[in-house]
Amino acid sequence: MVVRHISAITLAVRDMPRAVEFYRAALDLDASYGDSDASFTSFKIGAGYLNLVLAAQEAWSWWGRAIFHVDDVDAIYLRMVNAGLAPEAAPADAPWGERYFHITDPDGHELSFAKCLDNPA
């Protein structure tokens, strides 16, 4: 149950087309998942990712999410549950090719624990 590295930072955005245009212009990035018309867009940066998620105006208090790649998502999830913590949902396989789950720390920071799938759907 080793955390390998921070895989991604996910930032909440109000206007996805404007945000995608900014990151393309500022950092010369191409979307590897999603795009201007998506509610979730991901840019590959080195070994990690910069993700953008569209946040509703009324939910604008959300800052984003730190994503940690781990050896065993399910083992970390069980460890947290056995410690009395309450992840948002059980681990799931995502269409972008990761198994993951989220938990919020006591200060409201969202953390995601993920592992790349060998054979994504």
Protein backbone atom coordinates (compact mmCIF):
# COMPACT_ATOMS: atom_id res chain seq x y z
CA MET A 1 0.00 0.00 0.00
CA VAL A 2 2.60 2.50 -1.17
CA VAL A 3 1.72 5.92 -2.57
CA ARG A 4 3.89 6.25 -5.70
CA HIS A 5 3.42 9.89 -6.69
CA ILE A 6 0.87 12.62 -7.19
CA SER A 7 -0.76 11.67 -10.44
CA ALA A 8 -2.83 14.77 -11.07
CA ILE A 9 -4.17 18.02 -9.79
CA THR A 10 -7.81 18.69 -10.65
CA LEU A 11 -8.99 22.29 -10.75
CA ALA A 12 -12.58 23.48 -10.74
CA VAL A 13 -13.41 25.87 -13.59
CA ARG A 14 -16.44 28.06 -14.32
CA ASP A 15 -16.13 28.05 -18.13
CA MET A 16 -14.57 24.96 -19.74
CA PRO A 17 -14.00 26.45 -23.24
CA ARG A 18 -12.23 29.47 -21.71
CA ALA A 19 -10.14 27.27 -19.41
CA VAL A 20 -9.14 24.84 -22.18
CA GLU A 21 -8.18 27.75 -24.42
CA PHE A 22 -6.08 29.25 -21.60
CA TYR A 23 -4.11 26.05 -20.91
CA ARG A 24 -3.58 25.43 -24.61
CA ALA A 25 -2.25 28.97 -25.10
CA ALA A 26 -0.32 29.27 -21.83
CA LEU A 27 1.30 25.83 -21.75
CA ASP A 28 0.85 24.53 -25.32
CA LEU A 29 -1.15 21.55 -24.02
CA ASP A 30 -3.45 19.24 -25.97
CA ALA A 31 -6.32 17.51 -24.21
CA SER A 32 -5.75 13.79 -23.75
CA TYR A 33 -9.33 13.31 -22.48
CA GLY A 34 -12.33 15.61 -22.87
CA ASP A 35 -12.12 19.04 -24.52
CA SER A 36 -13.83 22.43 -24.62
CA ASP A 37 -17.33 20.89 -24.76
CA ALA A 38 -16.75 18.37 -21.93
CA SER A 39 -17.44 18.65 -18.22
CA PHE A 40 -14.04 17.03 -17.49
CA THR A 41 -10.82 17.62 -19.43
CA SER A 42 -7.36 16.19 -18.81
CA PHE A 43 -3.97 17.40 -20.08
CA LYS A 44 -0.87 15.18 -19.86
CA ILE A 45 2.09 16.98 -18.29
CA GLY A 46 5.18 14.82 -17.96
CA ALA A 47 4.24 11.76 -15.90
CA GLY A 48 1.17 13.49 -14.44
CA TYR A 49 -1.97 15.32 -15.44
CA LEU A 50 -3.66 18.66 -15.07
CA ASN A 51 -7.41 18.03 -14.96
CA LEU A 52 -10.20 20.58 -15.27
CA VAL A 53 -13.72 19.91 -13.98
CA LEU A 54 -16.69 22.13 -14.70
CA ALA A 55 -18.18 23.38 -11.42
CA ALA A 56 -21.65 24.86 -11.10
CA GLN A 57 -21.70 28.52 -10.07
CA GLU A 58 -23.61 27.72 -6.87
CA ALA A 59 -21.00 25.10 -5.91
CA TRP A 60 -18.01 27.36 -6.43
CA SER A 61 -16.49 26.72 -3.01
CA TRP A 62 -14.75 23.64 -4.44
CA TRP A 63 -11.00 24.15 -4.98
CA GLY A 64 -10.05 20.93 -6.75
CA ARG A 65 -8.59 17.52 -5.97
CA ALA A 66 -5.14 15.97 -5.43
CA ILE A 67 -4.79 12.53 -7.00
CA PHE A 68 -2.33 9.98 -5.62
CA HIS A 69 -1.31 6.89 -7.58
CA VAL A 70 -1.08 3.83 -5.34
CA ASP A 71 -0.22 0.15 -5.71
CA ASP A 72 -3.62 -1.17 -4.53
CA VAL A 73 -6.69 1.09 -4.57
CA ASP A 74 -8.93 -1.47 -2.87
CA ALA A 75 -6.46 -2.09 -0.03
CA ILE A 76 -6.16 1.64 0.69
CA TYR A 77 -9.97 1.96 0.60
CA LEU A 78 -10.37 -0.93 3.08
CA ARG A 79 -7.69 0.54 5.33
CA MET A 80 -9.60 3.85 5.44
CA VAL A 81 -12.96 2.17 6.06
CA ASN A 82 -11.44 -0.02 8.82
CA ALA A 83 -10.03 3.16 10.40
CA GLY A 84 -13.55 4.58 10.61
CA LEU A 85 -13.15 6.99 7.70
CA ALA A 86 -15.91 7.52 5.11
CA PRO A 87 -14.80 7.63 1.46
CA GLU A 88 -17.42 9.06 -0.92
CA ALA A 89 -17.97 5.70 -2.66
CA ALA A 90 -16.30 2.34 -3.11
CA PRO A 91 -13.51 2.05 -5.70
CA ALA A 92 -14.71 2.03 -9.30
CA ASP A 93 -13.23 1.65 -12.77
CA ALA A 94 -13.37 4.90 -14.74
CA PRO A 95 -13.71 5.29 -18.52
CA TRP A 96 -10.39 7.17 -18.63
CA GLY A 97 -8.54 4.02 -17.53
CA GLU A 98 -8.10 4.23 -13.76
CA ARG A 99 -9.56 2.48 -10.73
CA TYR A 100 -10.17 5.15 -8.10
CA PHE A 101 -12.08 6.49 -5.10
CA HIS A 102 -12.34 9.86 -3.36
CA ILE A 103 -12.29 10.97 0.25
CA THR A 104 -12.50 14.43 1.81
CA ASP A 105 -10.04 15.31 4.57
CA PRO A 106 -11.19 17.10 7.76
CA ASP A 107 -10.47 20.51 6.19
CA GLY A 108 -12.55 19.84 3.07
CA HIS A 109 -9.68 18.94 0.70
CA GLU A 110 -10.66 16.25 -1.78
CA LEU A 111 -8.18 13.42 -2.21
CA SER A 112 -8.38 10.70 -4.83
CA PHE A 113 -6.49 7.42 -4.79
CA ALA A 114 -6.04 5.74 -8.16
CA LYS A 115 -4.24 3.09 -10.14
CA CYS A 116 -4.03 2.76 -13.92
CA LEU A 117 -6.00 -0.19 -15.25
CA ASP A 118 -4.13 -2.77 -17.27
CA ASN A 119 -6.99 -3.15 -19.75
CA PRO A 120 -9.29 -0.11 -19.62
CA ALA A 121 -12.79 -0.57 -20.97
